[in-house]
Amino acid sequence: MPGLLRGVVRTAAIAGTATAVSNRVSRRQAGRWARQEAPPEAPLQPPPAPAAAPPPGMDDKISQLKELATLKEQGVLTEEEFSAQKARILAS
């Protein structure tokens, strides 16, 4: 009986060690595969540029044209300058 018990204990010890080693290898391999499959970290991108100001609406254009007319009447703008600025405002 002592020989049989010694054989069972030895088999249990070897089987337990083999199981522990196998589990450790499996975990290590799974970790390697996870790192390989994980997408690379994206580099930090600069924040998006602020949105451009919306084009002036018709009310803004009218008020700008009125200001131009006032400046022309005051003699600050010549007829040519007034026409050029008016064309620029209407084209925008």
PDB file of N, CA and C in Angstrom:
ATOM      1  N   MET A   1       0.793  -1.193   0.000  1.00  0.00           N
ATOM      2  CA  MET A   1       0.000   0.000   0.000  1.00  0.00           C
ATOM      3  C   MET A   1       0.841   1.265   0.000  1.00  0.00           C
ATOM      4  N   PRO A   2       1.917   1.312   0.765  1.00  0.00           N
ATOM      5  CA  PRO A   2       2.686   2.543   0.758  1.00  0.00           C
ATOM      6  C   PRO A   2       3.212   2.878  -0.636  1.00  0.00           C
ATOM      7  N   GLY A   3       3.544   1.892  -1.413  1.00  0.00           N
ATOM      8  CA  GLY A   3       4.028   2.153  -2.766  1.00  0.00           C
ATOM      9  C   GLY A   3       2.924   2.691  -3.660  1.00  0.00           C
ATOM     10  N   LEU A   4       1.739   2.195  -3.495  1.00  0.00           N
ATOM     11  CA  LEU A   4       0.594   2.655  -4.276  1.00  0.00           C
ATOM     12  C   LEU A   4       0.245   4.091  -3.925  1.00  0.00           C
ATOM     13  N   LEU A   5       0.274   4.404  -2.639  1.00  0.00           N
ATOM     14  CA  LEU A   5      -0.034   5.762  -2.183  1.00  0.00           C
ATOM     15  C   LEU A   5       1.020   6.741  -2.688  1.00  0.00           C
ATOM     16  N   ARG A   6       2.278   6.300  -2.654  1.00  0.00           N
ATOM     17  CA  ARG A   6       3.365   7.154  -3.138  1.00  0.00           C
ATOM     18  C   ARG A   6       3.176   7.425  -4.634  1.00  0.00           C
ATOM     19  N   GLY A   7       2.760   6.454  -5.405  1.00  0.00           N
ATOM     20  CA  GLY A   7       2.527   6.619  -6.837  1.00  0.00           C
ATOM     21  C   GLY A   7       1.376   7.575  -7.120  1.00  0.00           C
ATOM     22  N   VAL A   8       0.320   7.480  -6.330  1.00  0.00           N
ATOM     23  CA  VAL A   8      -0.835   8.370  -6.502  1.00  0.00           C
ATOM     24  C   VAL A   8      -0.433   9.802  -6.173  1.00  0.00           C
ATOM     25  N   VAL A   9       0.307   9.985  -5.090  1.00  0.00           N
ATOM     26  CA  VAL A   9       0.747  11.333  -4.696  1.00  0.00           C
ATOM     27  C   VAL A   9       1.659  11.903  -5.768  1.00  0.00           C
ATOM     28  N   ARG A  10       2.582  11.077  -6.264  1.00  0.00           N
ATOM     29  CA  ARG A  10       3.509  11.545  -7.298  1.00  0.00           C
ATOM     30  C   ARG A  10       2.734  11.931  -8.557  1.00  0.00           C
ATOM     31  N   THR A  11       1.774  11.148  -8.970  1.00  0.00           N
ATOM     32  CA  THR A  11       0.961  11.435 -10.155  1.00  0.00           C
ATOM     33  C   THR A  11       0.157  12.715  -9.950  1.00  0.00           C
ATOM     34  N   ALA A  12      -0.402  12.887  -8.776  1.00  0.00           N
ATOM     35  CA  ALA A  12      -1.176  14.095  -8.478  1.00  0.00           C
ATOM     36  C   ALA A  12      -0.281  15.327  -8.515  1.00  0.00           C
ATOM     37  N   ALA A  13       0.922  15.223  -7.979  1.00  0.00           N
ATOM     38  CA  ALA A  13       1.851  16.356  -7.969  1.00  0.00           C
ATOM     39  C   ALA A  13       2.263  16.711  -9.395  1.00  0.00           C
ATOM     40  N   ILE A  14       2.562  15.708 -10.199  1.00  0.00           N
ATOM     41  CA  ILE A  14       2.980  15.961 -11.583  1.00  0.00           C
ATOM     42  C   ILE A  14       1.810  16.547 -12.377  1.00  0.00           C
ATOM     43  N   ALA A  15       0.628  15.994 -12.196  1.00  0.00           N
ATOM     44  CA  ALA A  15      -0.537  16.499 -12.917  1.00  0.00           C
ATOM     45  C   ALA A  15      -0.863  17.936 -12.501  1.00  0.00           C
ATOM     46  N   GLY A  16      -0.760  18.249 -11.218  1.00  0.00           N
ATOM     47  CA  GLY A  16      -1.023  19.610 -10.741  1.00  0.00           C
ATOM     48  C   GLY A  16      -0.019  20.604 -11.293  1.00  0.00           C
ATOM     49  N   THR A  17       1.255  20.184 -11.311  1.00  0.00           N
ATOM     50  CA  THR A  17       2.302  21.056 -11.856  1.00  0.00           C
ATOM     51  C   THR A  17       2.077  21.276 -13.344  1.00  0.00           C
ATOM     52  N   ALA A  18       1.761  20.204 -14.062  1.00  0.00           N
ATOM     53  CA  ALA A  18       1.524  20.323 -15.493  1.00  0.00           C
ATOM     54  C   ALA A  18       0.343  21.249 -15.769  1.00  0.00           C
ATOM     55  N   THR A  19      -0.705  21.137 -14.989  1.00  0.00           N
ATOM     56  CA  THR A  19      -1.880  21.994 -15.165  1.00  0.00           C
ATOM     57  C   THR A  19      -1.531  23.458 -14.905  1.00  0.00           C
ATOM     58  N   ALA A  20      -0.772  23.715 -13.858  1.00  0.00           N
ATOM     59  CA  ALA A  20      -0.384  25.090 -13.526  1.00  0.00           C
ATOM     60  C   ALA A  20       0.473  25.690 -14.631  1.00  0.00           C
ATOM     61  N   VAL A  21       1.427  24.919 -15.125  1.00  0.00           N
ATOM     62  CA  VAL A  21       2.300  25.407 -16.196  1.00  0.00           C
ATOM     63  C   VAL A  21       1.483  25.653 -17.464  1.00  0.00           C
ATOM     64  N   SER A  22       0.593  24.737 -17.786  1.00  0.00           N
ATOM     65  CA  SER A  22      -0.230  24.877 -18.980  1.00  0.00           C
ATOM     66  C   SER A  22      -1.102  26.126 -18.899  1.00  0.00           C
ATOM     67  N   ASN A  23      -1.695  26.359 -17.744  1.00  0.00           N
ATOM     68  CA  ASN A  23      -2.545  27.543 -17.566  1.00  0.00           C
ATOM     69  C   ASN A  23      -1.738  28.832 -17.706  1.00  0.00           C
ATOM     70  N   ARG A  24      -0.536  28.835 -17.128  1.00  0.00           N
ATOM     71  CA  ARG A  24       0.299  30.024 -17.204  1.00  0.00           C
ATOM     72  C   ARG A  24       0.700  30.305 -18.649  1.00  0.00           C
ATOM     73  N   VAL A  25       1.066  29.262 -19.396  1.00  0.00           N
ATOM     74  CA  VAL A  25       1.433  29.426 -20.803  1.00  0.00           C
ATOM     75  C   VAL A  25       0.230  29.932 -21.602  1.00  0.00           C
ATOM     76  N   SER A  26      -0.940  29.392 -21.332  1.00  0.00           N
ATOM     77  CA  SER A  26      -2.149  29.822 -22.043  1.00  0.00           C
ATOM     78  C   SER A  26      -2.456  31.296 -21.783  1.00  0.00           C
ATOM     79  N   ARG A  27      -2.336  31.719 -20.526  1.00  0.00           N
ATOM     80  CA  ARG A  27      -2.593  33.134 -20.189  1.00  0.00           C
ATOM     81  C   ARG A  27      -1.581  34.043 -20.873  1.00  0.00           C
ATOM     82  N   ARG A  28      -0.322  33.641 -20.861  1.00  0.00           N
ATOM     83  CA  ARG A  28       0.722  34.453 -21.480  1.00  0.00           C
ATOM     84  C   ARG A  28       0.482  34.564 -22.987  1.00  0.00           C
ATOM     85  N   GLN A  29       0.144  33.446 -23.618  1.00  0.00           N
ATOM     86  CA  GLN A  29      -0.116  33.452 -25.053  1.00  0.00           C
ATOM     87  C   GLN A  29      -1.350  34.288 -25.392  1.00  0.00           C
ATOM     88  N   ALA A  30      -2.383  34.192 -24.573  1.00  0.00           N
ATOM     89  CA  ALA A  30      -3.587  34.992 -24.803  1.00  0.00           C
ATOM     90  C   ALA A  30      -3.270  36.479 -24.685  1.00  0.00           C
ATOM     91  N   GLY A  31      -2.412  36.822 -23.737  1.00  0.00           N
ATOM     92  CA  GLY A  31      -2.005  38.224 -23.594  1.00  0.00           C
ATOM     93  C   GLY A  31      -1.255  38.717 -24.816  1.00  0.00           C
ATOM     94  N   ARG A  32      -0.380  37.884 -25.351  1.00  0.00           N
ATOM     95  CA  ARG A  32       0.364  38.277 -26.561  1.00  0.00           C
ATOM     96  C   ARG A  32      -0.578  38.471 -27.737  1.00  0.00           C
ATOM     97  N   TRP A  33      -1.527  37.557 -27.897  1.00  0.00           N
ATOM     98  CA  TRP A  33      -2.475  37.678 -29.008  1.00  0.00           C
ATOM     99  C   TRP A  33      -3.339  38.919 -28.854  1.00  0.00           C
ATOM    100  N   ALA A  34      -3.716  39.223 -27.638  1.00  0.00           N
ATOM    101  CA  ALA A  34      -4.546  40.418 -27.406  1.00  0.00           C
ATOM    102  C   ALA A  34      -3.781  41.680 -27.776  1.00  0.00           C
ATOM    103  N   ARG A  35      -2.498  41.721 -27.431  1.00  0.00           N
ATOM    104  CA  ARG A  35      -1.699  42.907 -27.783  1.00  0.00           C
ATOM    105  C   ARG A  35      -1.520  43.020 -29.284  1.00  0.00           C
ATOM    106  N   GLN A  36      -1.397  41.893 -29.972  1.00  0.00           N
ATOM    107  CA  GLN A  36      -1.224  41.931 -31.427  1.00  0.00           C
ATOM    108  C   GLN A  36      -2.507  42.352 -32.125  1.00  0.00           C
ATOM    109  N   GLU A  37      -3.653  41.932 -31.605  1.00  0.00           N
ATOM    110  CA  GLU A  37      -4.927  42.240 -32.242  1.00  0.00           C
ATOM    111  C   GLU A  37      -5.447  43.618 -31.883  1.00  0.00           C
ATOM    112  N   ALA A  38      -4.959  44.173 -30.793  1.00  0.00           N
ATOM    113  CA  ALA A  38      -5.441  45.494 -30.373  1.00  0.00           C
ATOM    114  C   ALA A  38      -5.005  46.521 -31.408  1.00  0.00           C
ATOM    115  N   PRO A  39      -5.918  47.410 -31.801  1.00  0.00           N
ATOM    116  CA  PRO A  39      -5.535  48.440 -32.772  1.00  0.00           C
ATOM    117  C   PRO A  39      -4.509  49.373 -32.138  1.00  0.00           C
ATOM    118  N   PRO A  40      -3.563  49.839 -32.921  1.00  0.00           N
ATOM    119  CA  PRO A  40      -2.572  50.763 -32.361  1.00  0.00           C
ATOM    120  C   PRO A  40      -3.255  52.038 -31.896  1.00  0.00           C
ATOM    121  N   GLU A  41      -2.712  52.624 -30.882  1.00  0.00           N
ATOM    122  CA  GLU A  41      -3.302  53.857 -30.358  1.00  0.00           C
ATOM    123  C   GLU A  41      -3.143  54.950 -31.397  1.00  0.00           C
ATOM    124  N   ALA A  42      -4.215  55.637 -31.645  1.00  0.00           N
ATOM    125  CA  ALA A  42      -4.189  56.716 -32.620  1.00  0.00           C
ATOM    126  C   ALA A  42      -3.404  57.891 -32.034  1.00  0.00           C
ATOM    127  N   PRO A  43      -2.559  58.516 -32.852  1.00  0.00           N
ATOM    128  CA  PRO A  43      -1.831  59.679 -32.336  1.00  0.00           C
ATOM    129  C   PRO A  43      -2.807  60.803 -32.016  1.00  0.00           C
ATOM    130  N   LEU A  44      -2.458  61.603 -31.080  1.00  0.00           N
ATOM    131  CA  LEU A  44      -3.327  62.719 -30.697  1.00  0.00           C
ATOM    132  C   LEU A  44      -3.455  63.674 -31.869  1.00  0.00           C
ATOM    133  N   GLN A  45      -4.665  64.008 -32.180  1.00  0.00           N
ATOM    134  CA  GLN A  45      -4.913  64.925 -33.278  1.00  0.00           C
ATOM    135  C   GLN A  45      -5.191  66.303 -32.711  1.00  0.00           C
ATOM    136  N   PRO A  46      -4.753  67.332 -33.428  1.00  0.00           N
ATOM    137  CA  PRO A  46      -5.036  68.679 -32.929  1.00  0.00           C
ATOM    138  C   PRO A  46      -6.539  68.914 -32.934  1.00  0.00           C
ATOM    139  N   PRO A  47      -6.999  69.767 -32.054  1.00  0.00           N
ATOM    140  CA  PRO A  47      -8.442  70.048 -32.027  1.00  0.00           C
ATOM    141  C   PRO A  47      -8.876  70.657 -33.355  1.00  0.00           C
ATOM    142  N   PRO A  48     -10.107  70.427 -33.754  1.00  0.00           N
ATOM    143  CA  PRO A  48     -10.568  70.975 -35.035  1.00  0.00           C
ATOM    144  C   PRO A  48     -10.557  72.495 -35.008  1.00  0.00           C
ATOM    145  N   ALA A  49     -10.315  73.054 -36.170  1.00  0.00           N
ATOM    146  CA  ALA A  49     -10.286  74.516 -36.288  1.00  0.00           C
ATOM    147  C   ALA A  49     -11.688  75.058 -36.034  1.00  0.00           C
ATOM    148  N   PRO A  50     -11.776  76.245 -35.447  1.00  0.00           N
ATOM    149  CA  PRO A  50     -13.100  76.816 -35.214  1.00  0.00           C
ATOM    150  C   PRO A  50     -13.824  77.031 -36.542  1.00  0.00           C
ATOM    151  N   ALA A  51     -15.107  76.879 -36.508  1.00  0.00           N
ATOM    152  CA  ALA A  51     -15.904  77.018 -37.723  1.00  0.00           C
ATOM    153  C   ALA A  51     -15.832  78.462 -38.225  1.00  0.00           C
ATOM    154  N   ALA A  52     -15.822  78.584 -39.541  1.00  0.00           N
ATOM    155  CA  ALA A  52     -15.786  79.920 -40.144  1.00  0.00           C
ATOM    156  C   ALA A  52     -17.097  80.631 -39.850  1.00  0.00           C
ATOM    157  N   ALA A  53     -17.006  81.926 -39.768  1.00  0.00           N
ATOM    158  CA  ALA A  53     -18.198  82.723 -39.501  1.00  0.00           C
ATOM    159  C   ALA A  53     -19.183  82.531 -40.647  1.00  0.00           C
ATOM    160  N   PRO A  54     -20.444  82.408 -40.345  1.00  0.00           N
ATOM    161  CA  PRO A  54     -21.423  82.249 -41.418  1.00  0.00           C
ATOM    162  C   PRO A  54     -21.462  83.499 -42.284  1.00  0.00           C
ATOM    163  N   PRO A  55     -21.785  83.341 -43.549  1.00  0.00           N
ATOM    164  CA  PRO A  55     -21.828  84.523 -44.417  1.00  0.00           C
ATOM    165  C   PRO A  55     -22.891  85.488 -43.922  1.00  0.00           C
ATOM    166  N   PRO A  56     -22.620  86.756 -44.100  1.00  0.00           N
ATOM    167  CA  PRO A  56     -23.587  87.738 -43.603  1.00  0.00           C
ATOM    168  C   PRO A  56     -24.929  87.576 -44.298  1.00  0.00           C
ATOM    169  N   GLY A  57     -25.971  87.743 -43.520  1.00  0.00           N
ATOM    170  CA  GLY A  57     -27.324  87.635 -44.059  1.00  0.00           C
ATOM    171  C   GLY A  57     -27.707  88.914 -44.775  1.00  0.00           C
ATOM    172  N   MET A  58     -28.894  88.919 -45.307  1.00  0.00           N
ATOM    173  CA  MET A  58     -29.357  90.086 -46.050  1.00  0.00           C
ATOM    174  C   MET A  58     -29.447  91.310 -45.149  1.00  0.00           C
ATOM    175  N   ASP A  59     -29.836  91.127 -43.895  1.00  0.00           N
ATOM    176  CA  ASP A  59     -29.918  92.270 -42.975  1.00  0.00           C
ATOM    177  C   ASP A  59     -28.542  92.888 -42.765  1.00  0.00           C
ATOM    178  N   ASP A  60     -27.517  92.033 -42.633  1.00  0.00           N
ATOM    179  CA  ASP A  60     -26.162  92.545 -42.450  1.00  0.00           C
ATOM    180  C   ASP A  60     -25.706  93.316 -43.688  1.00  0.00           C
ATOM    181  N   LYS A  61     -26.024  92.803 -44.856  1.00  0.00           N
ATOM    182  CA  LYS A  61     -25.625  93.478 -46.095  1.00  0.00           C
ATOM    183  C   LYS A  61     -26.299  94.842 -46.201  1.00  0.00           C
ATOM    184  N   ILE A  62     -27.571  94.880 -45.844  1.00  0.00           N
ATOM    185  CA  ILE A  62     -28.301  96.160 -45.923  1.00  0.00           C
ATOM    186  C   ILE A  62     -27.697  97.182 -44.965  1.00  0.00           C
ATOM    187  N   SER A  63     -27.386  96.755 -43.749  1.00  0.00           N
ATOM    188  CA  SER A  63     -26.809  97.696 -42.784  1.00  0.00           C
ATOM    189  C   SER A  63     -25.426  98.161 -43.240  1.00  0.00           C
ATOM    190  N   GLN A  64     -24.641  97.268 -43.847  1.00  0.00           N
ATOM    191  CA  GLN A  64     -23.325  97.672 -44.340  1.00  0.00           C
ATOM    192  C   GLN A  64     -23.464  98.667 -45.499  1.00  0.00           C
ATOM    193  N   LEU A  65     -24.432  98.427 -46.369  1.00  0.00           N
ATOM    194  CA  LEU A  65     -24.652  99.357 -47.479  1.00  0.00           C
ATOM    195  C   LEU A  65     -25.106 100.725 -46.973  1.00  0.00           C
ATOM    196  N   LYS A  66     -25.928 100.742 -45.932  1.00  0.00           N
ATOM    197  CA  LYS A  66     -26.362 102.019 -45.352  1.00  0.00           C
ATOM    198  C   LYS A  66     -25.184 102.775 -44.764  1.00  0.00           C
ATOM    199  N   GLU A  67     -24.285 102.041 -44.094  1.00  0.00           N
ATOM    200  CA  GLU A  67     -23.095 102.691 -43.529  1.00  0.00           C
ATOM    201  C   GLU A  67     -22.218 103.259 -44.640  1.00  0.00           C
ATOM    202  N   LEU A  68     -22.080 102.488 -45.727  1.00  0.00           N
ATOM    203  CA  LEU A  68     -21.296 102.990 -46.863  1.00  0.00           C
ATOM    204  C   LEU A  68     -21.919 104.255 -47.442  1.00  0.00           C
ATOM    205  N   ALA A  69     -23.241 104.239 -47.583  1.00  0.00           N
ATOM    206  CA  ALA A  69     -23.927 105.416 -48.128  1.00  0.00           C
ATOM    207  C   ALA A  69     -23.696 106.628 -47.228  1.00  0.00           C
ATOM    208  N   THR A  70     -23.729 106.403 -45.918  1.00  0.00           N
ATOM    209  CA  THR A  70     -23.496 107.501 -44.979  1.00  0.00           C
ATOM    210  C   THR A  70     -22.080 108.055 -45.132  1.00  0.00           C
ATOM    211  N   LEU A  71     -21.112 107.141 -45.252  1.00  0.00           N
ATOM    212  CA  LEU A  71     -19.723 107.580 -45.435  1.00  0.00           C
ATOM    213  C   LEU A  71     -19.555 108.336 -46.754  1.00  0.00           C
ATOM    214  N   LYS A  72     -20.249 107.910 -47.794  1.00  0.00           N
ATOM    215  CA  LYS A  72     -20.160 108.598 -49.083  1.00  0.00           C
ATOM    216  C   LYS A  72     -20.775 109.997 -48.974  1.00  0.00           C
ATOM    217  N   GLU A  73     -21.917 110.082 -48.297  1.00  0.00           N
ATOM    218  CA  GLU A  73     -22.567 111.385 -48.126  1.00  0.00           C
ATOM    219  C   GLU A  73     -21.701 112.335 -47.307  1.00  0.00           C
ATOM    220  N   GLN A  74     -20.951 111.798 -46.327  1.00  0.00           N
ATOM    221  CA  GLN A  74     -20.077 112.629 -45.498  1.00  0.00           C
ATOM    222  C   GLN A  74     -18.802 113.021 -46.235  1.00  0.00           C
ATOM    223  N   GLY A  75     -18.568 112.428 -47.398  1.00  0.00           N
ATOM    224  CA  GLY A  75     -17.378 112.757 -48.175  1.00  0.00           C
ATOM    225  C   GLY A  75     -16.163 111.919 -47.803  1.00  0.00           C
ATOM    226  N   VAL A  76     -16.343 110.907 -46.980  1.00  0.00           N
ATOM    227  CA  VAL A  76     -15.225 110.054 -46.595  1.00  0.00           C
ATOM    228  C   VAL A  76     -14.849 109.138 -47.761  1.00  0.00           C
ATOM    229  N   LEU A  77     -15.856 108.648 -48.499  1.00  0.00           N
ATOM    230  CA  LEU A  77     -15.621 107.749 -49.627  1.00  0.00           C
ATOM    231  C   LEU A  77     -15.922 108.474 -50.927  1.00  0.00           C
ATOM    232  N   THR A  78     -15.121 108.159 -51.943  1.00  0.00           N
ATOM    233  CA  THR A  78     -15.411 108.678 -53.281  1.00  0.00           C
ATOM    234  C   THR A  78     -16.429 107.758 -53.935  1.00  0.00           C
ATOM    235  N   GLU A  79     -16.938 108.174 -55.095  1.00  0.00           N
ATOM    236  CA  GLU A  79     -17.910 107.357 -55.834  1.00  0.00           C
ATOM    237  C   GLU A  79     -17.304 106.013 -56.232  1.00  0.00           C
ATOM    238  N   GLU A  80     -16.024 106.016 -56.635  1.00  0.00           N
ATOM    239  CA  GLU A  80     -15.356 104.779 -57.036  1.00  0.00           C
ATOM    240  C   GLU A  80     -15.179 103.834 -55.838  1.00  0.00           C
ATOM    241  N   GLU A  81     -14.762 104.382 -54.692  1.00  0.00           N
ATOM    242  CA  GLU A  81     -14.587 103.564 -53.497  1.00  0.00           C
ATOM    243  C   GLU A  81     -15.927 102.979 -53.040  1.00  0.00           C
ATOM    244  N   PHE A  82     -16.964 103.834 -53.110  1.00  0.00           N
ATOM    245  CA  PHE A  82     -18.291 103.370 -52.722  1.00  0.00           C
ATOM    246  C   PHE A  82     -18.750 102.216 -53.624  1.00  0.00           C
ATOM    247  N   SER A  83     -18.562 102.369 -54.927  1.00  0.00           N
ATOM    248  CA  SER A  83     -18.976 101.335 -55.887  1.00  0.00           C
ATOM    249  C   SER A  83     -18.213 100.032 -55.671  1.00  0.00           C
ATOM    250  N   ALA A  84     -16.911 100.143 -55.399  1.00  0.00           N
ATOM    251  CA  ALA A  84     -16.090  98.949 -55.194  1.00  0.00           C
ATOM    252  C   ALA A  84     -16.533  98.208 -53.928  1.00  0.00           C
ATOM    253  N   GLN A  85     -16.758  98.959 -52.836  1.00  0.00           N
ATOM    254  CA  GLN A  85     -17.185  98.342 -51.580  1.00  0.00           C
ATOM    255  C   GLN A  85     -18.588  97.753 -51.693  1.00  0.00           C
ATOM    256  N   LYS A  86     -19.461  98.449 -52.415  1.00  0.00           N
ATOM    257  CA  LYS A  86     -20.822  97.963 -52.608  1.00  0.00           C
ATOM    258  C   LYS A  86     -20.789  96.648 -53.394  1.00  0.00           C
ATOM    259  N   ALA A  87     -19.967  96.563 -54.427  1.00  0.00           N
ATOM    260  CA  ALA A  87     -19.863  95.341 -55.217  1.00  0.00           C
ATOM    261  C   ALA A  87     -19.306  94.196 -54.370  1.00  0.00           C
ATOM    262  N   ARG A  88     -18.340  94.499 -53.489  1.00  0.00           N
ATOM    263  CA  ARG A  88     -17.755  93.473 -52.623  1.00  0.00           C
ATOM    264  C   ARG A  88     -18.805  92.936 -51.657  1.00  0.00           C
ATOM    265  N   ILE A  89     -19.594  93.825 -51.073  1.00  0.00           N
ATOM    266  CA  ILE A  89     -20.615  93.406 -50.120  1.00  0.00           C
ATOM    267  C   ILE A  89     -21.695  92.573 -50.814  1.00  0.00           C
ATOM    268  N   LEU A  90     -22.135  93.005 -51.961  1.00  0.00           N
ATOM    269  CA  LEU A  90     -23.197  92.286 -52.675  1.00  0.00           C
ATOM    270  C   LEU A  90     -22.715  90.942 -53.208  1.00  0.00           C
ATOM    271  N   ALA A  91     -21.419  90.816 -53.481  1.00  0.00           N
ATOM    272  CA  ALA A  91     -20.861  89.553 -53.985  1.00  0.00           C
ATOM    273  C   ALA A  91     -20.695  88.521 -52.882  1.00  0.00           C
ATOM    274  N   SER A  92     -20.614  88.970 -51.649  1.00  0.00           N
ATOM    275  CA  SER A  92     -20.383  88.011 -50.551  1.00  0.00           C
ATOM    276  C   SER A  92     -21.639  87.306 -50.140  1.00  0.00           C
TER     277      SER A  92
END
